Structures are given as C-alpha cells and as structure tokens.
Amino acid sequence: MKRIVLSVAACMLLAQPVFAGGFFIGEQGARAEGMGGAFTGLADDPSALWFNPAGIAFQEGISGTAGFDVLMPTNKFTPATGVTYTANKKTFVTPQGYLVYNTDALPVALGLGINTPFGLSTDWRNTGAPFTATGTPALFPATVTFSQIEMLNFNPSVAYRINDKLSIAVGATYYYVNKVHLDNQILLLGGNGDGWGGNVAVMYKDGPVGFGVSYRSRVKAKINGTAIGAGPLAAAGSTSASTSVTFPDMVNVGLSYRLSDAWLLSADVDWVNWKTFDKITVNYVPSTLTGALGATTSTIPENWKATTSFRLGAEWDFAANMRARVGYVYDPSPINAVDFSPRLPGNDRQLFNIGYGYDLGKKTTIDLAYSYVLLNNRNQTASAAPFYNGTYKSDVHIVAASLTHHF
C-alpha cells in the first residue's frame, strides 16, 4: 500500500499541468479559432505572438488584441455495471492579451503575449463514481476526486524583417503555474511554481502565399506544494513536497493562400513532443505523514507519446466590414492506456469551428468564434486500478471573443 500511495501521490502532485497539456488549449485568439487555429502561415493580427511571432514584423504601427475563451467541458463514465456517472460541470474562462509595436523607421517589431495554453480541471466529488471512493484500503491512493490547474504564459518577442518577404523572430517564455489542486481519498495536494523557455519563428510572404514555422521550447517548471493527509491518513498531518515537470516543446508549420479578395485558405501541421512527460518524481519533507507513507521520494513512469495534429481553416470576406470563418482540427491523444487516469479522461479529438469578424471602424475589429470539441469514446480496459476501467465520453463547447484595435 505504501508503494501505491507514493506512486499515485507523485503522479498527482505535478503531473496535472501536463495532463492539462494533453487537454492542450490551442484556441488562443478568436479570429484564429474560427479558422481551426490554422494561423501559423497567416499570422497577420496581434495573436501572431502565439501562433507565429515572426508575423508581427509585417504588421504596421501599434496594435493590440484582448480576448477570452469560455470552455464548458462534460465528462461521463460508465463502468461494466451500466450506471453512468457525470463529473460536476464547471465553466472555465481563459484570457489572452497581445500587444505589438512596429515602426517604419526600423525593420524591427516588438511584442508581448499573455495567454493560457494549458488548463482545465475535473471534479468527480460527490458523483458516486467508483474511483472516487472504495472500501478497499489498498486502493485508496488510486482514487480520484478533484483536480485543477491554472497557469499563465508571458511571452515577449522581437521580430526582424529581413526583406519585404521574409522575417524571423525570437522570444522568451515564462510559465507561471499559479494554482494546482489534486485530491484523492487519502491526500489533498496543492502547489504552484514556474519555469522559463524560449521560442523562434520564421515567416515568408509572397503575394497570395504565406508560409510560417514556429518552435516553442520545452519548459521545465519547478513546483513547491503541500500534501495533507485525508481519510485514513487524516491524523498524519501534512508535509511540504516538491517536484518538477517538463512542458513539451512544439513545432507548428503553416501555409496560407488567398484565392481572391474574398477567400482565404490556411492549413497547419502541429507537432507536440509529449515524450518529455516520461516520469514524475516527488520529494517529501520528512514528517509524520511521510512516516505513514514509508518513504520521502518516489518516481512513477508516464510514457506519453509525441502527437501530430492537423488544422484547416477558411475565411470569407462577404461584405466590406464582415467576415465568416470555418475550421476543422484533428488532434490525437498522447495518453497511453496503461497510465490512463480519470483526472483527464481524454482521447483523440476533433474540433469543428465557426467564426465571425466585424469591423467597428477603420481601427477596431471584434471577432467571435465557437468550437465544438468531440472526443472519441474511450473504452478503457488496461488500468491496474480496476475501477478506472469502463467507457468515458467527453466533449467541450468553447465560445471565444476578442477586440483588436490599431492605435
């Protein structure tokens, strides 16, 4: 039992930021979202700071975009008994803000992006799902009740326009993981931390054609937290705990083509190196709780796999000041069957996107988007914890809005 407690505690304390990454939030701008996020080869508004920072070198003057996504996920679990359990439904709001400064005096553009590329949570408390409570003491550590992760990405970038067709960009990435809550029936775990990385990008534009490549490095975040005994370990008190987790590096390649004044097409291929999530090691400060656990450190393998997703988008300028958009995304899951957890009951997913843009004036545009995220049903049979096995059904509704202004 002590080995199980340590392994599951190690997995829970800081695996969740990357579990949230498996539920990666790629929708980081309302205009791009309406086009399925296929924006790397277009990158012609301030949200380029996320999709392809080299694109800001071709933008004029000072401009900014402020927006948000509203995410509404649903998760259901049906074990062999045939009874369906639904996770508590919650709504999440993820903000984005982008500011670009460009001047004709120099072929250099500066930008700052702030967004939330990882997040979400699952809350199975009081649902009656079999993995939320069990009468078998040896299986208490494998129970799942409540998980939450909140983070912000701060990303300053500088772009250099080599000529009228080609630009490059570099930037720094700072991930601030401001809130983690990961609970089960014997441990309540919370923590926060941060880490640094970088990004580089290139943009090529020639007439109706746009081509871009963007790379974001892996980010190793160091997390400090607290483990509090619960249930059968409630009397053992609490202790400090620390670990680190490596967010994956990613490569985005995109192509855009303007068919006419009215029609624009785009496509992206995105590679995410989830292999960085191979194991989690947690260190506990010696205490009464670690005495009950029987050790002060533990390592658990996760063995996620790298994934490649595909994005398609189109934009139709059907009026002088209005545009309609559609998009489609196929995004495979990095999670393997053996290490699956109800904390993120994910599977391969498809996104169906629509969007609308309206110019309020010559300098201001409002963009709206809606995405339906359909996850393939997961028929889980390989879990060591038997109450994980069953059928998981999930989907997500995403509504986005942003305001862009040219100063």
Protein backbone atom coordinates (compact mmCIF):
# COMPACT_ATOMS: atom_id res chain seq x y z
CA MET A 1 0.00 0.00 0.00
CA LYS A 2 2.86 2.41 0.79
CA ARG A 3 4.31 1.99 -2.70
CA ILE A 4 0.90 2.65 -4.26
CA VAL A 5 0.40 5.75 -2.09
CA LEU A 6 3.75 7.20 -3.11
CA SER A 7 3.34 6.42 -6.79
CA VAL A 8 -0.10 7.94 -7.09
CA ALA A 9 0.86 10.96 -4.96
CA ALA A 10 3.84 11.55 -7.22
CA CYS A 11 1.65 11.35 -10.29
CA MET A 12 -0.96 13.72 -8.89
CA LEU A 13 1.16 16.49 -7.46
CA LEU A 14 2.60 17.78 -10.70
CA ALA A 15 1.54 15.55 -13.49
CA GLN A 16 -1.57 17.64 -13.85
CA PRO A 17 -0.06 20.59 -15.73
CA VAL A 18 0.97 18.14 -18.40
CA PHE A 19 -2.29 16.22 -18.14
CA ALA A 20 -3.85 19.58 -18.85
CA GLY A 21 -1.42 19.83 -21.75
CA GLY A 22 -2.91 16.57 -23.05
CA PHE A 23 -6.03 18.69 -22.93
CA PHE A 24 -3.97 21.46 -24.54
CA ILE A 25 -5.88 24.69 -25.18
CA GLY A 26 -4.81 25.63 -28.69
CA GLU A 27 -7.56 28.23 -29.08
CA GLN A 28 -5.58 31.38 -28.34
CA GLY A 29 -7.30 34.03 -30.47
CA ALA A 30 -10.91 34.36 -31.64
CA ARG A 31 -10.07 35.01 -35.29
CA ALA A 32 -7.66 32.09 -35.46
CA GLU A 33 -10.09 29.86 -33.57
CA GLY A 34 -12.77 30.43 -36.18
CA MET A 35 -10.27 29.06 -38.71
CA GLY A 36 -9.41 25.99 -36.64
CA GLY A 37 -6.24 27.60 -35.28
CA ALA A 38 -4.59 27.26 -38.71
CA PHE A 39 -2.82 30.58 -38.31
CA THR A 40 0.94 29.90 -38.42
CA GLY A 41 1.16 30.72 -42.13
CA LEU A 42 -1.09 33.78 -41.82
CA ALA A 43 -0.18 35.49 -38.51
CA ASP A 44 -1.48 38.91 -39.56
CA ASP A 45 -3.02 40.19 -36.32
CA PRO A 46 -1.52 40.57 -32.81
CA SER A 47 -2.36 36.96 -31.88
CA ALA A 48 0.56 36.09 -34.16
CA LEU A 49 2.58 36.44 -30.95
CA TRP A 50 1.31 32.96 -30.04
CA PHE A 51 0.93 31.31 -33.43
CA ASN A 52 3.99 32.77 -35.24
CA PRO A 53 5.74 35.82 -33.72
CA ALA A 54 7.66 36.44 -36.96
CA GLY A 55 4.37 37.65 -38.43
CA ILE A 56 4.40 40.84 -36.36
CA ALA A 57 7.28 42.14 -38.50
CA PHE A 58 4.77 42.66 -41.35
CA GLN A 59 2.17 44.43 -39.18
CA GLU A 60 2.06 48.22 -39.10
CA GLY A 61 2.16 50.62 -36.17
CA ILE A 62 0.88 49.80 -32.70
CA SER A 63 -1.94 47.31 -32.24
CA GLY A 64 -3.39 45.18 -29.50
CA THR A 65 -5.83 42.33 -29.03
CA ALA A 66 -7.68 41.43 -25.83
CA GLY A 67 -9.88 38.36 -25.69
CA PHE A 68 -11.01 35.28 -23.83
CA ASP A 69 -12.31 31.75 -24.25
CA VAL A 70 -15.17 30.25 -22.27
CA LEU A 71 -14.76 26.48 -22.03
CA MET A 72 -17.59 24.18 -20.98
CA PRO A 73 -16.47 20.52 -20.73
CA THR A 74 -18.57 17.45 -19.98
CA ASN A 75 -17.12 14.12 -18.81
CA LYS A 76 -19.11 10.93 -18.28
CA PHE A 77 -18.05 7.47 -17.09
CA THR A 78 -19.91 4.17 -17.47
CA PRO A 79 -18.37 1.07 -15.84
CA ALA A 80 -19.39 -2.54 -16.51
CA THR A 81 -22.40 -2.12 -14.20
CA GLY A 82 -24.01 0.11 -16.82
CA VAL A 83 -24.56 3.06 -14.45
CA THR A 84 -23.38 6.41 -15.90
CA TYR A 85 -21.62 8.98 -13.69
CA THR A 86 -21.19 12.61 -14.79
CA ALA A 87 -18.40 14.84 -13.49
CA ASN A 88 -19.53 18.09 -11.90
CA LYS A 89 -19.87 20.64 -14.67
CA LYS A 90 -17.83 23.82 -14.44
CA THR A 91 -17.16 26.73 -16.76
CA PHE A 92 -13.61 27.99 -17.30
CA VAL A 93 -12.51 31.35 -18.67
CA THR A 94 -9.04 31.62 -20.23
CA PRO A 95 -7.81 35.13 -21.15
CA GLN A 96 -5.46 36.29 -23.93
CA GLY A 97 -3.78 39.61 -24.47
CA TYR A 98 -1.35 40.65 -27.24
CA LEU A 99 0.42 43.95 -27.87
CA VAL A 100 2.54 44.74 -30.96
CA TYR A 101 4.79 47.73 -31.61
CA ASN A 102 6.18 48.25 -35.11
CA THR A 103 7.72 51.31 -36.76
CA ASP A 104 8.76 52.05 -40.33
CA ALA A 105 11.97 53.64 -39.04
CA LEU A 106 13.46 50.22 -38.26
CA PRO A 107 12.73 46.72 -39.62
CA VAL A 108 12.12 45.56 -36.04
CA ALA A 109 8.86 44.79 -34.23
CA LEU A 110 8.32 44.16 -30.53
CA GLY A 111 5.51 42.23 -28.95
CA LEU A 112 4.19 40.84 -25.67
CA GLY A 113 1.72 37.98 -25.45
CA ILE A 114 -0.05 36.78 -22.32
CA ASN A 115 -2.26 33.71 -22.57
CA THR A 116 -3.28 30.39 -21.02
CA PRO A 117 -2.24 27.48 -23.25
CA PHE A 118 -2.72 24.81 -20.56
CA GLY A 119 -5.55 24.37 -18.08
CA LEU A 120 -8.96 22.96 -17.16
CA SER A 121 -9.95 20.59 -14.35
CA THR A 122 -12.11 17.61 -13.47
CA ASP A 123 -14.35 17.37 -10.42
CA TRP A 124 -15.71 13.91 -9.61
CA ARG A 125 -16.56 14.72 -5.98
CA ASN A 126 -19.95 13.51 -4.75
CA THR A 127 -20.76 11.93 -8.11
CA GLY A 128 -20.68 8.36 -6.82
CA ALA A 129 -18.20 7.26 -9.49
CA PRO A 130 -16.43 4.10 -8.28
CA PHE A 131 -12.97 5.66 -8.48
CA THR A 132 -13.96 8.47 -6.06
CA ALA A 133 -14.21 6.13 -3.07
CA THR A 134 -13.61 2.46 -2.40
CA GLY A 135 -13.95 0.21 0.58
CA THR A 136 -10.63 -1.49 -0.21
CA PRO A 137 -7.90 0.34 1.79
CA ALA A 138 -5.13 -0.77 -0.57
CA LEU A 139 -6.88 1.09 -3.41
CA PHE A 140 -7.46 4.40 -1.58
CA PRO A 141 -4.37 6.02 -3.20
CA ALA A 142 -5.74 5.37 -6.69
CA THR A 143 -8.99 7.22 -6.06
CA VAL A 144 -9.68 10.44 -7.96
CA THR A 145 -11.83 13.27 -6.63
CA PHE A 146 -10.84 16.84 -7.63
CA SER A 147 -8.17 18.24 -9.98
CA GLN A 148 -7.46 21.82 -11.01
CA ILE A 149 -4.68 23.68 -12.79
CA GLU A 150 -4.40 27.36 -13.62
CA MET A 151 -1.42 28.92 -15.39
CA LEU A 152 -0.32 31.94 -17.42
CA ASN A 153 2.24 32.23 -20.20
CA PHE A 154 4.17 35.51 -20.51
CA ASN A 155 5.92 35.70 -23.88
CA PRO A 156 7.87 38.80 -25.06
CA SER A 157 9.21 38.51 -28.63
CA VAL A 158 11.20 40.57 -31.09
CA ALA A 159 10.86 40.16 -34.88
CA TYR A 160 13.20 41.33 -37.62
CA ARG A 161 12.04 41.94 -41.20
CA ILE A 162 14.92 40.76 -43.41
CA ASN A 163 13.21 42.00 -46.56
CA ASP A 164 9.71 42.52 -47.93
CA LYS A 165 9.08 38.78 -47.95
CA LEU A 166 10.99 37.25 -45.06
CA SER A 167 11.13 37.78 -41.30
CA ILE A 168 12.44 35.98 -38.22
CA ALA A 169 11.61 36.22 -34.51
CA VAL A 170 12.93 35.14 -31.14
CA GLY A 171 11.34 35.33 -27.72
CA ALA A 172 11.38 34.26 -24.09
CA THR A 173 8.66 32.17 -22.46
CA TYR A 174 7.75 32.27 -18.78
CA TYR A 175 5.17 29.81 -17.45
CA TYR A 176 3.62 30.72 -14.11
CA VAL A 177 1.62 27.83 -12.67
CA ASN A 178 -0.37 29.73 -10.09
CA LYS A 179 -2.79 27.11 -8.82
CA VAL A 180 -2.75 23.32 -8.58
CA HIS A 181 -5.27 21.27 -6.63
CA LEU A 182 -5.10 17.48 -6.95
CA ASP A 183 -7.09 15.46 -4.44
CA ASN A 184 -7.99 11.85 -3.73
CA GLN A 185 -9.39 10.00 -0.73
CA ILE A 186 -6.11 9.99 1.24
CA LEU A 187 -4.20 13.08 0.10
CA LEU A 188 -5.13 16.68 -0.65
CA LEU A 189 -2.35 18.14 -2.79
CA GLY A 190 -1.73 21.74 -3.81
CA GLY A 191 1.16 23.77 -5.14
CA ASN A 192 2.49 26.39 -7.55
CA GLY A 193 5.67 27.18 -9.44
CA ASP A 194 7.21 28.44 -12.65
CA GLY A 195 9.73 27.86 -15.43
CA TRP A 196 11.47 29.52 -18.40
CA GLY A 197 11.85 28.65 -22.07
CA GLY A 198 12.12 30.31 -25.47
CA ASN A 199 10.70 30.46 -28.97
CA VAL A 200 11.91 31.11 -32.51
CA ALA A 201 9.91 31.59 -35.72
CA VAL A 202 10.17 32.45 -39.40
CA MET A 203 7.59 33.98 -41.77
CA TYR A 204 7.61 34.16 -45.57
CA LYS A 205 5.07 36.15 -47.58
CA ASP A 206 4.95 36.41 -51.36
CA GLY A 207 1.78 37.74 -52.95
CA PRO A 208 -1.13 35.46 -52.04
CA VAL A 209 1.11 32.89 -50.32
CA GLY A 210 2.13 32.85 -46.67
CA PHE A 211 4.35 30.25 -45.04
CA GLY A 212 5.44 30.06 -41.42
CA VAL A 213 7.31 27.87 -38.97
CA SER A 214 7.25 28.39 -35.21
CA TYR A 215 9.11 26.50 -32.49
CA ARG A 216 8.47 26.69 -28.75
CA SER A 217 10.95 25.06 -26.42
CA ARG A 218 10.14 22.72 -23.59
CA VAL A 219 9.69 24.46 -20.24
CA LYS A 220 10.73 22.79 -17.00
CA ALA A 221 8.61 24.13 -14.16
CA LYS A 222 9.68 23.64 -10.58
CA ILE A 223 6.72 23.23 -8.24
CA ASN A 224 6.53 23.55 -4.47
CA GLY A 225 3.44 22.35 -2.69
CA THR A 226 1.82 20.77 0.32
CA ALA A 227 0.45 17.28 0.86
CA ILE A 228 -2.27 16.97 3.52
CA GLY A 229 -3.38 13.61 4.83
CA ALA A 230 -7.05 12.78 4.32
CA GLY A 231 -9.32 9.83 5.04
CA PRO A 232 -7.30 7.06 6.71
CA LEU A 233 -4.24 9.37 6.77
CA ALA A 234 -6.01 12.43 8.20
CA ALA A 235 -4.29 12.03 11.56
CA ALA A 236 -0.84 12.07 9.89
CA GLY A 237 -1.00 15.83 9.27
CA SER A 238 0.78 17.44 6.33
CA THR A 239 4.19 17.96 4.77
CA SER A 240 5.90 20.04 2.10
CA ALA A 241 6.51 18.46 -1.28
CA SER A 242 8.38 19.45 -4.43
CA THR A 243 8.88 18.18 -7.92
CA SER A 244 9.36 19.40 -11.48
CA VAL A 245 7.56 18.79 -14.72
CA THR A 246 8.63 19.48 -18.28
CA PHE A 247 6.04 21.05 -20.55
CA PRO A 248 6.55 19.80 -24.12
CA ASP A 249 8.33 21.55 -26.93
CA MET A 250 6.28 22.04 -30.08
CA VAL A 251 6.68 22.83 -33.77
CA ASN A 252 3.98 24.50 -35.89
CA VAL A 253 4.18 24.63 -39.69
CA GLY A 254 1.55 26.60 -41.58
CA LEU A 255 0.58 27.63 -45.10
CA SER A 256 -1.96 30.22 -46.18
CA TYR A 257 -3.22 31.11 -49.65
CA ARG A 258 -5.51 33.95 -50.71
CA LEU A 259 -7.65 32.68 -53.54
CA SER A 260 -9.20 36.09 -54.17
CA ASP A 261 -10.09 39.31 -52.40
CA ALA A 262 -12.94 37.41 -50.77
CA TRP A 263 -11.47 33.97 -49.95
CA LEU A 264 -8.54 32.92 -47.78
CA LEU A 265 -7.45 29.32 -47.02
CA SER A 266 -5.00 28.08 -44.39
CA ALA A 267 -3.58 24.81 -43.06
CA ASP A 268 -1.32 23.87 -40.14
CA VAL A 269 0.56 20.79 -39.00
CA ASP A 270 1.44 20.88 -35.28
CA TRP A 271 3.88 18.51 -33.56
CA VAL A 272 3.92 18.33 -29.75
CA ASN A 273 6.70 16.42 -28.03
CA TRP A 274 4.76 14.77 -25.20
CA LYS A 275 7.69 12.37 -24.78
CA THR A 276 9.02 14.91 -22.28
CA PHE A 277 6.38 13.54 -19.90
CA ASP A 278 8.08 10.23 -19.24
CA LYS A 279 8.08 10.19 -15.44
CA ILE A 280 7.30 12.25 -12.36
CA THR A 281 9.44 12.28 -9.21
CA VAL A 282 8.16 13.85 -5.99
CA ASN A 283 10.25 14.63 -2.91
CA TYR A 284 8.58 14.99 0.50
CA VAL A 285 9.98 16.71 3.57
CA PRO A 286 10.27 14.09 6.37
CA SER A 287 7.27 14.27 8.68
CA THR A 288 4.62 12.20 10.38
CA LEU A 289 2.89 11.91 7.00
CA THR A 290 5.99 10.55 5.27
CA GLY A 291 6.33 8.12 8.16
CA ALA A 292 2.86 6.86 7.35
CA LEU A 293 3.80 6.70 3.67
CA GLY A 294 7.05 4.88 4.44
CA ALA A 295 9.37 6.94 2.20
CA THR A 296 10.26 10.52 1.24
CA THR A 297 10.53 10.19 -2.52
CA SER A 298 9.02 8.25 -5.38
CA THR A 299 9.12 8.04 -9.17
CA ILE A 300 6.35 6.87 -11.46
CA PRO A 301 6.56 6.34 -15.24
CA GLU A 302 4.01 8.01 -17.54
CA ASN A 303 5.40 7.33 -21.02
CA TRP A 304 3.29 9.68 -23.10
CA LYS A 305 3.88 9.82 -26.84
CA ALA A 306 4.50 12.69 -29.24
CA THR A 307 1.49 13.74 -31.31
CA THR A 308 0.86 15.43 -34.66
CA SER A 309 -2.36 17.37 -35.20
CA PHE A 310 -3.82 18.85 -38.40
CA ARG A 311 -5.72 22.12 -38.75
CA LEU A 312 -7.68 23.55 -41.68
CA GLY A 313 -9.35 26.94 -41.99
CA ALA A 314 -11.09 29.30 -44.38
CA GLU A 315 -12.18 32.94 -44.24
CA TRP A 316 -14.80 34.59 -46.46
CA ASP A 317 -14.99 38.38 -46.72
CA PHE A 318 -18.67 38.51 -47.64
CA ALA A 319 -19.02 42.26 -47.02
CA ALA A 320 -16.73 45.26 -46.79
CA ASN A 321 -16.61 45.08 -42.99
CA MET A 322 -17.66 41.49 -42.22
CA ARG A 323 -16.05 38.06 -42.48
CA ALA A 324 -17.20 34.49 -41.87
CA ARG A 325 -14.87 31.63 -40.95
CA VAL A 326 -14.86 27.85 -40.66
CA GLY A 327 -12.26 25.40 -39.39
CA TYR A 328 -11.55 21.77 -38.61
CA VAL A 329 -8.94 20.13 -36.33
CA TYR A 330 -7.85 16.54 -35.79
CA ASP A 331 -5.84 16.20 -32.57
CA PRO A 332 -4.72 12.75 -31.31
CA SER A 333 -4.27 11.98 -27.62
CA PRO A 334 -0.80 11.41 -26.12
CA ILE A 335 -2.12 9.28 -23.23
CA ASN A 336 -1.36 5.56 -23.21
CA ALA A 337 -3.86 3.02 -21.95
CA VAL A 338 -1.76 1.65 -19.08
CA ASP A 339 -1.17 5.04 -17.42
CA PHE A 340 -4.62 6.49 -18.09
CA SER A 341 -6.37 8.33 -15.23
CA PRO A 342 -9.89 9.79 -14.83
CA ARG A 343 -8.16 13.06 -13.92
CA LEU A 344 -8.03 13.61 -17.67
CA PRO A 345 -10.34 11.17 -19.43
CA GLY A 346 -9.00 12.22 -22.81
CA ASN A 347 -8.83 10.54 -26.19
CA ASP A 348 -8.35 11.53 -29.84
CA ARG A 349 -10.44 14.59 -30.58
CA GLN A 350 -11.91 16.59 -33.45
CA LEU A 351 -12.79 20.29 -33.38
CA PHE A 352 -15.44 21.90 -35.57
CA ASN A 353 -15.09 25.69 -35.68
CA ILE A 354 -17.05 28.67 -36.95
CA GLY A 355 -16.24 32.37 -36.60
CA TYR A 356 -17.33 35.89 -37.43
CA GLY A 357 -15.43 39.18 -37.73
CA TYR A 358 -16.91 42.68 -37.79
CA ASP A 359 -15.09 45.98 -38.26
CA LEU A 360 -16.47 48.54 -35.83
CA GLY A 361 -14.47 51.19 -37.70
CA LYS A 362 -11.23 51.62 -39.58
CA LYS A 363 -9.18 50.82 -36.48
CA THR A 364 -11.25 48.40 -34.41
CA THR A 365 -12.44 44.85 -35.08
CA ILE A 366 -14.44 42.44 -32.99
CA ASP A 367 -14.07 38.68 -33.58
CA LEU A 368 -16.31 35.87 -32.32
CA ALA A 369 -15.86 32.12 -32.56
CA TYR A 370 -17.45 28.86 -31.47
CA SER A 371 -15.81 25.43 -31.32
CA TYR A 372 -17.32 22.04 -30.61
CA VAL A 373 -14.71 19.57 -29.34
CA LEU A 374 -15.74 15.96 -29.90
CA LEU A 375 -13.60 13.36 -28.15
CA ASN A 376 -13.73 9.75 -29.27
CA ASN A 377 -15.25 7.45 -26.67
CA ARG A 378 -12.52 5.80 -24.60
CA ASN A 379 -13.12 2.14 -23.81
CA GLN A 380 -10.61 1.71 -21.00
CA THR A 381 -9.61 -1.86 -20.12
CA ALA A 382 -5.90 -1.76 -19.27
CA SER A 383 -5.84 0.12 -15.94
CA ALA A 384 -4.22 -1.55 -12.93
CA ALA A 385 -6.86 0.12 -10.75
CA PRO A 386 -9.95 -1.88 -11.79
CA PHE A 387 -12.42 0.92 -11.07
CA TYR A 388 -10.79 3.04 -13.82
CA ASN A 389 -11.96 0.59 -16.48
CA GLY A 390 -15.11 1.41 -18.39
CA THR A 391 -16.30 3.79 -21.10
CA TYR A 392 -15.50 7.51 -20.97
CA LYS A 393 -17.45 10.03 -23.04
CA SER A 394 -16.36 13.68 -23.22
CA ASP A 395 -16.97 16.83 -25.20
CA VAL A 396 -16.28 20.55 -24.84
CA HIS A 397 -18.04 23.69 -26.03
CA ILE A 398 -15.79 26.74 -26.50
CA VAL A 399 -17.01 30.30 -27.07
CA ALA A 400 -14.42 32.99 -27.82
CA ALA A 401 -14.43 36.75 -28.29
CA SER A 402 -11.71 39.32 -28.88
CA LEU A 403 -11.30 43.01 -29.65
CA THR A 404 -8.43 44.25 -31.81
CA HIS A 405 -7.52 47.93 -32.04
CA HIS A 406 -4.91 49.74 -34.15
CA PHE A 407 -3.60 52.82 -32.34
